[in-house]
Amino acid sequence: ALAAEGKERHPHDEATVPAGLESYYGQALEWYPCTAGDGIA
């Protein structure tokens, strides 16, 4: 989505997805509460 009001950005409204990487850019990122045993912290 566009940035918050008052946060001026580049005048375009789409970010280019590099060819061949569409599935990486389209993957679902799942955030979860960090807990013991999650492999991160």
Full PDB file with SEQRES, HELIX, SHEET, SSBOND, CRYST1, ORIGX, SCALE, CONECT and MASTER records, all heavy atoms in Angstrom:
SEQRES   1 A   41  ALA LEU ALA ALA GLU GLY LYS GLU ARG HIS PRO HIS ASP          
SEQRES   2 A   41  GLU ALA THR VAL PRO ALA GLY LEU GLU SER TYR TYR GLY          
SEQRES   3 A   41  GLN ALA LEU GLU TRP TYR PRO CYS THR ALA GLY ASP GLY          
SEQRES   4 A   41  ILE ALA                                                      
HELIX    1 AA1 GLU A   22  TYR A   25  1                                   4    
CRYST1    1.000    1.000    1.000  90.00  90.00  90.00 P 1           1          
ORIGX1      1.000000  0.000000  0.000000        0.00000                         
ORIGX2      0.000000  1.000000  0.000000        0.00000                         
ORIGX3      0.000000  0.000000  1.000000        0.00000                         
SCALE1      1.000000  0.000000  0.000000        0.00000                         
SCALE2      0.000000  1.000000  0.000000        0.00000                         
SCALE3      0.000000  0.000000  1.000000        0.00000                         
ATOM      1  N   ALA A   1       0.851  -1.179   0.000  1.00  0.00           N  
ATOM      2  CA  ALA A   1       0.000   0.000   0.000  1.00  0.00           C  
ATOM      3  C   ALA A   1       0.887   1.229   0.000  1.00  0.00           C  
ATOM      4  O   ALA A   1       2.066   1.171   0.323  1.00  0.00           O  
ATOM      5  CB  ALA A   1      -0.890  -0.007   1.245  1.00  0.00           C  
ATOM      6  N   LEU A   2       0.327   2.368  -0.378  1.00  0.00           N  
ATOM      7  CA  LEU A   2       1.109   3.591  -0.371  1.00  0.00           C  
ATOM      8  C   LEU A   2       1.515   3.956   1.041  1.00  0.00           C  
ATOM      9  O   LEU A   2       0.852   3.599   2.012  1.00  0.00           O  
ATOM     10  CB  LEU A   2       0.299   4.730  -1.004  1.00  0.00           C  
ATOM     11  CG  LEU A   2       0.013   4.573  -2.506  1.00  0.00           C  
ATOM     12  CD1 LEU A   2      -0.853   5.730  -2.986  1.00  0.00           C  
ATOM     13  CD2 LEU A   2       1.308   4.537  -3.310  1.00  0.00           C  
ATOM     14  N   ALA A   3       2.602   4.676   1.153  1.00  0.00           N  
ATOM     15  CA  ALA A   3       3.108   5.063   2.471  1.00  0.00           C  
ATOM     16  C   ALA A   3       2.141   6.018   3.150  1.00  0.00           C  
ATOM     17  O   ALA A   3       1.244   6.582   2.548  1.00  0.00           O  
ATOM     18  CB  ALA A   3       4.476   5.729   2.314  1.00  0.00           C  
ATOM     19  N   ALA A   4       2.365   6.184   4.448  1.00  0.00           N  
ATOM     20  CA  ALA A   4       1.480   7.024   5.245  1.00  0.00           C  
ATOM     21  C   ALA A   4       1.467   8.457   4.720  1.00  0.00           C  
ATOM     22  O   ALA A   4       2.418   8.925   4.104  1.00  0.00           O  
ATOM     23  CB  ALA A   4       1.948   7.020   6.699  1.00  0.00           C  
ATOM     24  N   GLU A   5       0.385   9.146   4.968  1.00  0.00           N  
ATOM     25  CA  GLU A   5       0.237  10.522   4.520  1.00  0.00           C  
ATOM     26  C   GLU A   5       1.389  11.369   5.057  1.00  0.00           C  
ATOM     27  O   GLU A   5       1.786  11.259   6.208  1.00  0.00           O  
ATOM     28  CB  GLU A   5      -1.099  11.073   5.014  1.00  0.00           C  
ATOM     29  CG  GLU A   5      -1.358  12.500   4.567  1.00  0.00           C  
ATOM     30  CD  GLU A   5      -2.703  13.007   5.063  1.00  0.00           C  
ATOM     31  OE1 GLU A   5      -3.427  12.215   5.696  1.00  0.00           O  
ATOM     32  OE2 GLU A   5      -3.003  14.169   4.820  1.00  0.00           O  
ATOM     33  N   GLY A   6       1.923  12.209   4.182  1.00  0.00           N  
ATOM     34  CA  GLY A   6       3.008  13.080   4.603  1.00  0.00           C  
ATOM     35  C   GLY A   6       4.382  12.472   4.410  1.00  0.00           C  
ATOM     36  O   GLY A   6       5.382  13.135   4.559  1.00  0.00           O  
ATOM     37  N   LYS A   7       4.451  11.190   4.026  1.00  0.00           N  
ATOM     38  CA  LYS A   7       5.732  10.530   3.809  1.00  0.00           C  
ATOM     39  C   LYS A   7       5.974  10.452   2.309  1.00  0.00           C  
ATOM     40  O   LYS A   7       5.586   9.512   1.638  1.00  0.00           O  
ATOM     41  CB  LYS A   7       5.692   9.132   4.427  1.00  0.00           C  
ATOM     42  CG  LYS A   7       7.063   8.464   4.495  1.00  0.00           C  
ATOM     43  CD  LYS A   7       6.934   7.099   5.153  1.00  0.00           C  
ATOM     44  CE  LYS A   7       8.293   6.448   5.307  1.00  0.00           C  
ATOM     45  NZ  LYS A   7       8.201   5.082   5.824  1.00  0.00           N  
ATOM     46  N   GLU A   8       6.575  11.482   1.763  1.00  0.00           N  
ATOM     47  CA  GLU A   8       6.752  11.567   0.325  1.00  0.00           C  
ATOM     48  C   GLU A   8       7.708  10.483  -0.162  1.00  0.00           C  
ATOM     49  O   GLU A   8       8.725  10.220   0.428  1.00  0.00           O  
ATOM     50  CB  GLU A   8       7.292  12.948  -0.052  1.00  0.00           C  
ATOM     51  CG  GLU A   8       6.314  14.080   0.249  1.00  0.00           C  
ATOM     52  CD  GLU A   8       6.854  15.430  -0.180  1.00  0.00           C  
ATOM     53  OE1 GLU A   8       7.967  15.458  -0.740  1.00  0.00           O  
ATOM     54  OE2 GLU A   8       6.158  16.425   0.047  1.00  0.00           O  
ATOM     55  N   ARG A   9       7.329   9.892  -1.256  1.00  0.00           N  
ATOM     56  CA  ARG A   9       8.123   8.817  -1.821  1.00  0.00           C  
ATOM     57  C   ARG A   9       8.314   9.055  -3.310  1.00  0.00           C  
ATOM     58  O   ARG A   9       7.950  10.089  -3.845  1.00  0.00           O  
ATOM     59  CB  ARG A   9       7.413   7.470  -1.581  1.00  0.00           C  
ATOM     60  CG  ARG A   9       7.315   7.107  -0.101  1.00  0.00           C  
ATOM     61  CD  ARG A   9       8.682   7.051   0.556  1.00  0.00           C  
ATOM     62  NE  ARG A   9       8.643   6.359   1.819  1.00  0.00           N  
ATOM     63  CZ  ARG A   9       9.668   6.255   2.639  1.00  0.00           C  
ATOM     64  NH1 ARG A   9      10.804   6.835   2.351  1.00  0.00           N  
ATOM     65  NH2 ARG A   9       9.569   5.596   3.770  1.00  0.00           N  
ATOM     66  N   HIS A  10       8.860   8.075  -3.989  1.00  0.00           N  
ATOM     67  CA  HIS A  10       9.016   8.186  -5.430  1.00  0.00           C  
ATOM     68  C   HIS A  10       7.651   8.341  -6.082  1.00  0.00           C  
ATOM     69  O   HIS A  10       6.638   7.837  -5.571  1.00  0.00           O  
ATOM     70  CB  HIS A  10       9.727   6.944  -5.975  1.00  0.00           C  
ATOM     71  CG  HIS A  10      11.148   6.844  -5.544  1.00  0.00           C  
ATOM     72  ND1 HIS A  10      12.076   7.795  -5.840  1.00  0.00           N  
ATOM     73  CD2 HIS A  10      11.802   5.897  -4.824  1.00  0.00           C  
ATOM     74  CE1 HIS A  10      13.250   7.440  -5.346  1.00  0.00           C  
ATOM     75  NE2 HIS A  10      13.105   6.294  -4.717  1.00  0.00           N  
ATOM     76  N   PRO A  11       7.562   8.994  -7.232  1.00  0.00           N  
ATOM     77  CA  PRO A  11       6.278   9.288  -7.844  1.00  0.00           C  
ATOM     78  C   PRO A  11       5.604   8.091  -8.498  1.00  0.00           C  
ATOM     79  O   PRO A  11       4.533   8.247  -9.077  1.00  0.00           O  
ATOM     80  CB  PRO A  11       6.648  10.335  -8.903  1.00  0.00           C  
ATOM     81  CG  PRO A  11       8.075  10.057  -9.237  1.00  0.00           C  
ATOM     82  CD  PRO A  11       8.686   9.618  -7.949  1.00  0.00           C  
ATOM     83  N   HIS A  12       6.186   6.913  -8.448  1.00  0.00           N  
ATOM     84  CA  HIS A  12       5.523   5.750  -9.024  1.00  0.00           C  
ATOM     85  C   HIS A  12       4.802   4.984  -7.936  1.00  0.00           C  
ATOM     86  O   HIS A  12       5.029   5.193  -6.755  1.00  0.00           O  
ATOM     87  CB  HIS A  12       6.533   4.840  -9.723  1.00  0.00           C  
ATOM     88  CG  HIS A  12       7.657   4.409  -8.823  1.00  0.00           C  
ATOM     89  ND1 HIS A  12       8.795   5.162  -8.664  1.00  0.00           N  
ATOM     90  CD2 HIS A  12       7.807   3.324  -8.031  1.00  0.00           C  
ATOM     91  CE1 HIS A  12       9.615   4.545  -7.825  1.00  0.00           C  
ATOM     92  NE2 HIS A  12       9.032   3.427  -7.426  1.00  0.00           N  
ATOM     93  N   ASP A  13       3.906   4.087  -8.329  1.00  0.00           N  
ATOM     94  CA  ASP A  13       3.110   3.396  -7.319  1.00  0.00           C  
ATOM     95  C   ASP A  13       3.234   1.875  -7.398  1.00  0.00           C  
ATOM     96  O   ASP A  13       2.481   1.161  -6.772  1.00  0.00           O  
ATOM     97  CB  ASP A  13       1.632   3.794  -7.433  1.00  0.00           C  
ATOM     98  CG  ASP A  13       1.058   3.476  -8.801  1.00  0.00           C  
ATOM     99  OD1 ASP A  13       1.770   2.882  -9.638  1.00  0.00           O  
ATOM    100  OD2 ASP A  13      -0.103   3.839  -9.035  1.00  0.00           O  
ATOM    101  N   GLU A  14       4.186   1.376  -8.184  1.00  0.00           N  
ATOM    102  CA  GLU A  14       4.408  -0.052  -8.236  1.00  0.00           C  
ATOM    103  C   GLU A  14       5.903  -0.332  -8.130  1.00  0.00           C  
ATOM    104  O   GLU A  14       6.716   0.408  -8.663  1.00  0.00           O  
ATOM    105  CB  GLU A  14       3.871  -0.650  -9.544  1.00  0.00           C  
ATOM    106  CG  GLU A  14       2.362  -0.622  -9.652  1.00  0.00           C  
ATOM    107  CD  GLU A  14       1.882  -1.389 -10.867  1.00  0.00           C  
ATOM    108  OE1 GLU A  14       2.717  -2.085 -11.495  1.00  0.00           O  
ATOM    109  OE2 GLU A  14       0.690  -1.308 -11.189  1.00  0.00           O  
ATOM    110  N   ALA A  15       6.231  -1.386  -7.431  1.00  0.00           N  
ATOM    111  CA  ALA A  15       7.619  -1.813  -7.344  1.00  0.00           C  
ATOM    112  C   ALA A  15       7.830  -2.974  -8.307  1.00  0.00           C  
ATOM    113  O   ALA A  15       7.040  -3.915  -8.344  1.00  0.00           O  
ATOM    114  CB  ALA A  15       7.970  -2.246  -5.920  1.00  0.00           C  
ATOM    115  N   THR A  16       8.873  -2.901  -9.094  1.00  0.00           N  
ATOM    116  CA  THR A  16       9.142  -3.928 -10.091  1.00  0.00           C  
ATOM    117  C   THR A  16       9.565  -5.231  -9.420  1.00  0.00           C  
ATOM    118  O   THR A  16      10.382  -5.237  -8.500  1.00  0.00           O  
ATOM    119  CB  THR A  16      10.256  -3.461 -11.046  1.00  0.00           C  
ATOM    120  OG1 THR A  16       9.840  -2.247 -11.657  1.00  0.00           O  
ATOM    121  CG2 THR A  16      10.540  -4.507 -12.105  1.00  0.00           C  
ATOM    122  N   VAL A  17       9.008  -6.336  -9.909  1.00  0.00           N  
ATOM    123  CA  VAL A  17       9.409  -7.661  -9.450  1.00  0.00           C  
ATOM    124  C   VAL A  17      10.357  -8.239 -10.488  1.00  0.00           C  
ATOM    125  O   VAL A  17       9.992  -8.389 -11.654  1.00  0.00           O  
ATOM    126  CB  VAL A  17       8.197  -8.588  -9.269  1.00  0.00           C  
ATOM    127  CG1 VAL A  17       8.654  -9.994  -8.898  1.00  0.00           C  
ATOM    128  CG2 VAL A  17       7.264  -8.034  -8.212  1.00  0.00           C  
ATOM    129  N   PRO A  18      11.590  -8.553 -10.115  1.00  0.00           N  
ATOM    130  CA  PRO A  18      12.546  -9.082 -11.088  1.00  0.00           C  
ATOM    131  C   PRO A  18      12.054 -10.377 -11.724  1.00  0.00           C  
ATOM    132  O   PRO A  18      11.499 -11.256 -11.050  1.00  0.00           O  
ATOM    133  CB  PRO A  18      13.808  -9.327 -10.248  1.00  0.00           C  
ATOM    134  CG  PRO A  18      13.667  -8.419  -9.073  1.00  0.00           C  
ATOM    135  CD  PRO A  18      12.202  -8.380  -8.786  1.00  0.00           C  
ATOM    136  N   ALA A  19      12.254 -10.486 -13.009  1.00  0.00           N  
ATOM    137  CA  ALA A  19      11.828 -11.679 -13.740  1.00  0.00           C  
ATOM    138  C   ALA A  19      12.489 -12.929 -13.170  1.00  0.00           C  
ATOM    139  O   ALA A  19      13.685 -12.935 -12.870  1.00  0.00           O  
ATOM    140  CB  ALA A  19      12.175 -11.526 -15.214  1.00  0.00           C  
ATOM    141  N   GLY A  20      11.711 -13.969 -13.028  1.00  0.00           N  
ATOM    142  CA  GLY A  20      12.209 -15.230 -12.511  1.00  0.00           C  
ATOM    143  C   GLY A  20      12.113 -15.363 -11.010  1.00  0.00           C  
ATOM    144  O   GLY A  20      12.325 -16.455 -10.468  1.00  0.00           O  
ATOM    145  N   LEU A  21      11.795 -14.259 -10.315  1.00  0.00           N  
ATOM    146  CA  LEU A  21      11.726 -14.299  -8.854  1.00  0.00           C  
ATOM    147  C   LEU A  21      10.309 -14.086  -8.337  1.00  0.00           C  
ATOM    148  O   LEU A  21      10.107 -13.795  -7.166  1.00  0.00           O  
ATOM    149  CB  LEU A  21      12.656 -13.228  -8.266  1.00  0.00           C  
ATOM    150  CG  LEU A  21      14.143 -13.382  -8.585  1.00  0.00           C  
ATOM    151  CD1 LEU A  21      14.931 -12.209  -8.008  1.00  0.00           C  
ATOM    152  CD2 LEU A  21      14.680 -14.699  -8.037  1.00  0.00           C  
ATOM    153  N   GLU A  22       9.318 -14.250  -9.224  1.00  0.00           N  
ATOM    154  CA  GLU A  22       7.940 -13.950  -8.842  1.00  0.00           C  
ATOM    155  C   GLU A  22       7.467 -14.771  -7.647  1.00  0.00           C  
ATOM    156  O   GLU A  22       6.757 -14.252  -6.777  1.00  0.00           O  
ATOM    157  CB  GLU A  22       7.015 -14.180 -10.041  1.00  0.00           C  
ATOM    158  CG  GLU A  22       7.210 -13.215 -11.183  1.00  0.00           C  
ATOM    159  CD  GLU A  22       8.326 -13.619 -12.137  1.00  0.00           C  
ATOM    160  OE1 GLU A  22       8.999 -14.647 -11.867  1.00  0.00           O  
ATOM    161  OE2 GLU A  22       8.524 -12.910 -13.138  1.00  0.00           O  
ATOM    162  N   SER A  23       7.842 -16.031  -7.585  1.00  0.00           N  
ATOM    163  CA  SER A  23       7.365 -16.862  -6.480  1.00  0.00           C  
ATOM    164  C   SER A  23       7.980 -16.444  -5.151  1.00  0.00           C  
ATOM    165  O   SER A  23       7.344 -16.551  -4.097  1.00  0.00           O  
ATOM    166  CB  SER A  23       7.661 -18.336  -6.756  1.00  0.00           C  
ATOM    167  OG  SER A  23       9.045 -18.541  -6.917  1.00  0.00           O  
ATOM    168  N   TYR A  24       9.234 -15.952  -5.189  1.00  0.00           N  
ATOM    169  CA  TYR A  24       9.854 -15.473  -3.957  1.00  0.00           C  
ATOM    170  C   TYR A  24       9.170 -14.202  -3.472  1.00  0.00           C  
ATOM    171  O   TYR A  24       8.893 -14.047  -2.276  1.00  0.00           O  
ATOM    172  CB  TYR A  24      11.343 -15.212  -4.183  1.00  0.00           C  
ATOM    173  CG  TYR A  24      12.175 -16.465  -4.237  1.00  0.00           C  
ATOM    174  CD1 TYR A  24      12.710 -16.917  -5.438  1.00  0.00           C  
ATOM    175  CD2 TYR A  24      12.418 -17.205  -3.092  1.00  0.00           C  
ATOM    176  CE1 TYR A  24      13.477 -18.068  -5.489  1.00  0.00           C  
ATOM    177  CE2 TYR A  24      13.184 -18.361  -3.126  1.00  0.00           C  
ATOM    178  CZ  TYR A  24      13.709 -18.785  -4.337  1.00  0.00           C  
ATOM    179  OH  TYR A  24      14.457 -19.936  -4.385  1.00  0.00           O  
ATOM    180  N   TYR A  25       8.911 -13.296  -4.385  1.00  0.00           N  
ATOM    181  CA  TYR A  25       8.248 -12.045  -4.013  1.00  0.00           C  
ATOM    182  C   TYR A  25       6.790 -12.273  -3.632  1.00  0.00           C  
ATOM    183  O   TYR A  25       6.210 -11.468  -2.907  1.00  0.00           O  
ATOM    184  CB  TYR A  25       8.333 -11.034  -5.167  1.00  0.00           C  
ATOM    185  CG  TYR A  25       9.638 -10.294  -5.234  1.00  0.00           C  
ATOM    186  CD1 TYR A  25      10.779 -10.899  -5.765  1.00  0.00           C  
ATOM    187  CD2 TYR A  25       9.747  -8.988  -4.765  1.00  0.00           C  
ATOM    188  CE1 TYR A  25      11.993 -10.222  -5.823  1.00  0.00           C  
ATOM    189  CE2 TYR A  25      10.955  -8.304  -4.825  1.00  0.00           C  
ATOM    190  CZ  TYR A  25      12.071  -8.920  -5.348  1.00  0.00           C  
ATOM    191  OH  TYR A  25      13.265  -8.244  -5.407  1.00  0.00           O  
ATOM    192  N   GLY A  26       6.213 -13.356  -4.110  1.00  0.00           N  
ATOM    193  CA  GLY A  26       4.814 -13.622  -3.815  1.00  0.00           C  
ATOM    194  C   GLY A  26       4.574 -14.564  -2.656  1.00  0.00           C  
ATOM    195  O   GLY A  26       3.416 -14.870  -2.337  1.00  0.00           O  
ATOM    196  N   GLN A  27       5.619 -15.057  -1.995  1.00  0.00           N  
ATOM    197  CA  GLN A  27       5.434 -15.991  -0.879  1.00  0.00           C  
ATOM    198  C   GLN A  27       4.753 -15.290   0.290  1.00  0.00           C  
ATOM    199  O   GLN A  27       4.821 -14.074   0.446  1.00  0.00           O  
ATOM    200  CB  GLN A  27       6.781 -16.565  -0.434  1.00  0.00           C  
ATOM    201  CG  GLN A  27       7.710 -15.532   0.205  1.00  0.00           C  
ATOM    202  CD  GLN A  27       9.074 -16.102   0.546  1.00  0.00           C  
ATOM    203  OE1 GLN A  27       9.207 -16.902   1.485  1.00  0.00           O  
ATOM    204  NE2 GLN A  27      10.098 -15.690  -0.206  1.00  0.00           N  
ATOM    205  N   ALA A  28       4.084 -16.047   1.099  1.00  0.00           N  
ATOM    206  CA  ALA A  28       3.419 -15.503   2.286  1.00  0.00           C  
ATOM    207  C   ALA A  28       4.395 -15.508   3.450  1.00  0.00           C  
ATOM    208  O   ALA A  28       4.965 -16.550   3.800  1.00  0.00           O  
ATOM    209  CB  ALA A  28       2.181 -16.332   2.629  1.00  0.00           C  
ATOM    210  N   LEU A  29       4.580 -14.337   4.057  1.00  0.00           N  
ATOM    211  CA  LEU A  29       5.454 -14.221   5.223  1.00  0.00           C  
ATOM    212  C   LEU A  29       4.594 -14.325   6.473  1.00  0.00           C  
ATOM    213  O   LEU A  29       3.692 -13.525   6.675  1.00  0.00           O  
ATOM    214  CB  LEU A  29       6.193 -12.887   5.195  1.00  0.00           C  
ATOM    215  CG  LEU A  29       7.310 -12.711   6.228  1.00  0.00           C  
ATOM    216  CD1 LEU A  29       8.479 -13.639   5.910  1.00  0.00           C  
ATOM    217  CD2 LEU A  29       7.788 -11.268   6.259  1.00  0.00           C  
ATOM    218  N   GLU A  30       4.861 -15.298   7.295  1.00  0.00           N  
ATOM    219  CA  GLU A  30       4.046 -15.550   8.488  1.00  0.00           C  
ATOM    220  C   GLU A  30       4.805 -15.106   9.737  1.00  0.00           C  
ATOM    221  O   GLU A  30       5.794 -15.710  10.135  1.00  0.00           O  
ATOM    222  CB  GLU A  30       3.683 -17.027   8.580  1.00  0.00           C  
ATOM    223  CG  GLU A  30       2.851 -17.525   7.407  1.00  0.00           C  
ATOM    224  CD  GLU A  30       2.464 -18.988   7.549  1.00  0.00           C  
ATOM    225  OE1 GLU A  30       2.799 -19.583   8.606  1.00  0.00           O  
ATOM    226  OE2 GLU A  30       1.857 -19.528   6.616  1.00  0.00           O  
ATOM    227  N   TRP A  31       4.313 -14.031  10.355  1.00  0.00           N  
ATOM    228  CA  TRP A  31       4.883 -13.566  11.622  1.00  0.00           C  
ATOM    229  C   TRP A  31       4.217 -14.301  12.777  1.00  0.00           C  
ATOM    230  O   TRP A  31       3.019 -14.554  12.760  1.00  0.00           O  
ATOM    231  CB  TRP A  31       4.657 -12.072  11.784  1.00  0.00           C  
ATOM    232  CG  TRP A  31       5.418 -11.212  10.831  1.00  0.00           C  
ATOM    233  CD1 TRP A  31       4.937 -10.604   9.719  1.00  0.00           C  
ATOM    234  CD2 TRP A  31       6.805 -10.860  10.912  1.00  0.00           C  
ATOM    235  NE1 TRP A  31       5.928  -9.894   9.086  1.00  0.00           N  
ATOM    236  CE2 TRP A  31       7.085 -10.023   9.800  1.00  0.00           C  
ATOM    237  CE3 TRP A  31       7.829 -11.157  11.803  1.00  0.00           C  
ATOM    238  CZ2 TRP A  31       8.346  -9.493   9.561  1.00  0.00           C  
ATOM    239  CZ3 TRP A  31       9.087 -10.618  11.571  1.00  0.00           C  
ATOM    240  CH2 TRP A  31       9.344  -9.806  10.467  1.00  0.00           C  
ATOM    241  N   TYR A  32       4.994 -14.633  13.774  1.00  0.00           N  
ATOM    242  CA  TYR A  32       4.466 -15.321  14.950  1.00  0.00           C  
ATOM    243  C   TYR A  32       5.238 -14.848  16.172  1.00  0.00           C  
ATOM    244  O   TYR A  32       6.388 -14.413  16.064  1.00  0.00           O  
ATOM    245  CB  TYR A  32       4.581 -16.837  14.801  1.00  0.00           C  
ATOM    246  CG  TYR A  32       5.997 -17.322  14.564  1.00  0.00           C  
ATOM    247  CD1 TYR A  32       6.828 -17.661  15.638  1.00  0.00           C  
ATOM    248  CD2 TYR A  32       6.514 -17.416  13.273  1.00  0.00           C  
ATOM    249  CE1 TYR A  32       8.122 -18.091  15.432  1.00  0.00           C  
ATOM    250  CE2 TYR A  32       7.806 -17.845  13.058  1.00  0.00           C  
ATOM    251  CZ  TYR A  32       8.610 -18.186  14.139  1.00  0.00           C  
ATOM    252  OH  TYR A  32       9.898 -18.605  13.929  1.00  0.00           O  
ATOM    253  N   PRO A  33       4.626 -14.926  17.357  1.00  0.00           N  
ATOM    254  CA  PRO A  33       5.348 -14.519  18.573  1.00  0.00           C  
ATOM    255  C   PRO A  33       6.595 -15.365  18.770  1.00  0.00           C  
ATOM    256  O   PRO A  33       6.536 -16.593  18.713  1.00  0.00           O  
ATOM    257  CB  PRO A  33       4.328 -14.756  19.696  1.00  0.00           C  
ATOM    258  CG  PRO A  33       3.000 -14.715  18.997  1.00  0.00           C  
ATOM    259  CD  PRO A  33       3.226 -15.315  17.648  1.00  0.00           C  
ATOM    260  N   CYS A  34       7.718 -14.721  18.948  1.00  0.00           N  
ATOM    261  CA  CYS A  34       8.964 -15.454  19.153  1.00  0.00           C  
ATOM    262  C   CYS A  34       8.875 -16.261  20.440  1.00  0.00           C  
ATOM    263  O   CYS A  34       8.539 -15.732  21.496  1.00  0.00           O  
ATOM    264  CB  CYS A  34      10.137 -14.483  19.235  1.00  0.00           C  
ATOM    265  SG  CYS A  34      10.359 -13.451  17.774  1.00  0.00           S  
ATOM    266  N   THR A  35       9.156 -17.539  20.334  1.00  0.00           N  
ATOM    267  CA  THR A  35       9.081 -18.424  21.498  1.00  0.00           C  
ATOM    268  C   THR A  35      10.296 -19.332  21.519  1.00  0.00           C  
ATOM    269  O   THR A  35      10.995 -19.473  20.522  1.00  0.00           O  
ATOM    270  CB  THR A  35       7.809 -19.290  21.460  1.00  0.00           C  
ATOM    271  OG1 THR A  35       7.799 -20.065  20.259  1.00  0.00           O  
ATOM    272  CG2 THR A  35       6.550 -18.426  21.506  1.00  0.00           C  
ATOM    273  N   ALA A  36      10.509 -19.959  22.661  1.00  0.00           N  
ATOM    274  CA  ALA A  36      11.610 -20.901  22.778  1.00  0.00           C  
ATOM    275  C   ALA A  36      11.409 -22.032  21.779  1.00  0.00           C  
ATOM    276  O   ALA A  36      10.309 -22.533  21.579  1.00  0.00           O  
ATOM    277  CB  ALA A  36      11.671 -21.456  24.199  1.00  0.00           C  
ATOM    278  N   GLY A  37      12.495 -22.424  21.122  1.00  0.00           N  
ATOM    279  CA  GLY A  37      12.425 -23.536  20.205  1.00  0.00           C  
ATOM    280  C   GLY A  37      12.058 -23.168  18.787  1.00  0.00           C  
ATOM    281  O   GLY A  37      11.900 -24.041  17.942  1.00  0.00           O  
ATOM    282  N   ASP A  38      11.934 -21.875  18.497  1.00  0.00           N  
ATOM    283  CA  ASP A  38      11.559 -21.502  17.136  1.00  0.00           C  
ATOM    284  C   ASP A  38      12.764 -21.385  16.211  1.00  0.00           C  
ATOM    285  O   ASP A  38      12.620 -21.060  15.043  1.00  0.00           O  
ATOM    286  CB  ASP A  38      10.771 -20.189  17.109  1.00  0.00           C  
ATOM    287  CG  ASP A  38      11.588 -18.989  17.608  1.00  0.00           C  
ATOM    288  OD1 ASP A  38      12.816 -19.137  17.758  1.00  0.00           O  
ATOM    289  OD2 ASP A  38      11.005 -17.932  17.827  1.00  0.00           O  
ATOM    290  N   GLY A  39      13.944 -21.665  16.728  1.00  0.00           N  
ATOM    291  CA  GLY A  39      15.135 -21.601  15.908  1.00  0.00           C  
ATOM    292  C   GLY A  39      15.679 -20.202  15.751  1.00  0.00           C  
ATOM    293  O   GLY A  39      16.673 -20.002  15.075  1.00  0.00           O  
ATOM    294  N   ILE A  40      15.022 -19.223  16.350  1.00  0.00           N  
ATOM    295  CA  ILE A  40      15.498 -17.844  16.226  1.00  0.00           C  
ATOM    296  C   ILE A  40      15.907 -17.306  17.584  1.00  0.00           C  
ATOM    297  O   ILE A  40      17.021 -16.870  17.781  1.00  0.00           O  
ATOM    298  CB  ILE A  40      14.421 -16.941  15.578  1.00  0.00           C  
ATOM    299  CG1 ILE A  40      14.162 -17.415  14.137  1.00  0.00           C  
ATOM    300  CG2 ILE A  40      14.865 -15.493  15.573  1.00  0.00           C  
ATOM    301  CD1 ILE A  40      13.121 -16.624  13.417  1.00  0.00           C  
ATOM    302  N   ALA A  41      15.018 -17.344  18.555  1.00  0.00           N  
ATOM    303  CA  ALA A  41      15.374 -16.880  19.899  1.00  0.00           C  
ATOM    304  C   ALA A  41      14.230 -17.185  20.845  1.00  0.00           C  
ATOM    305  O   ALA A  41      13.101 -17.425  20.429  1.00  0.00           O  
ATOM    306  CB  ALA A  41      15.672 -15.386  19.898  1.00  0.00           C  
TER     307      ALA A  41                                                      
MASTER        0    0    0    1    0    0    0    6  306    1    0    4          
END                                                                             
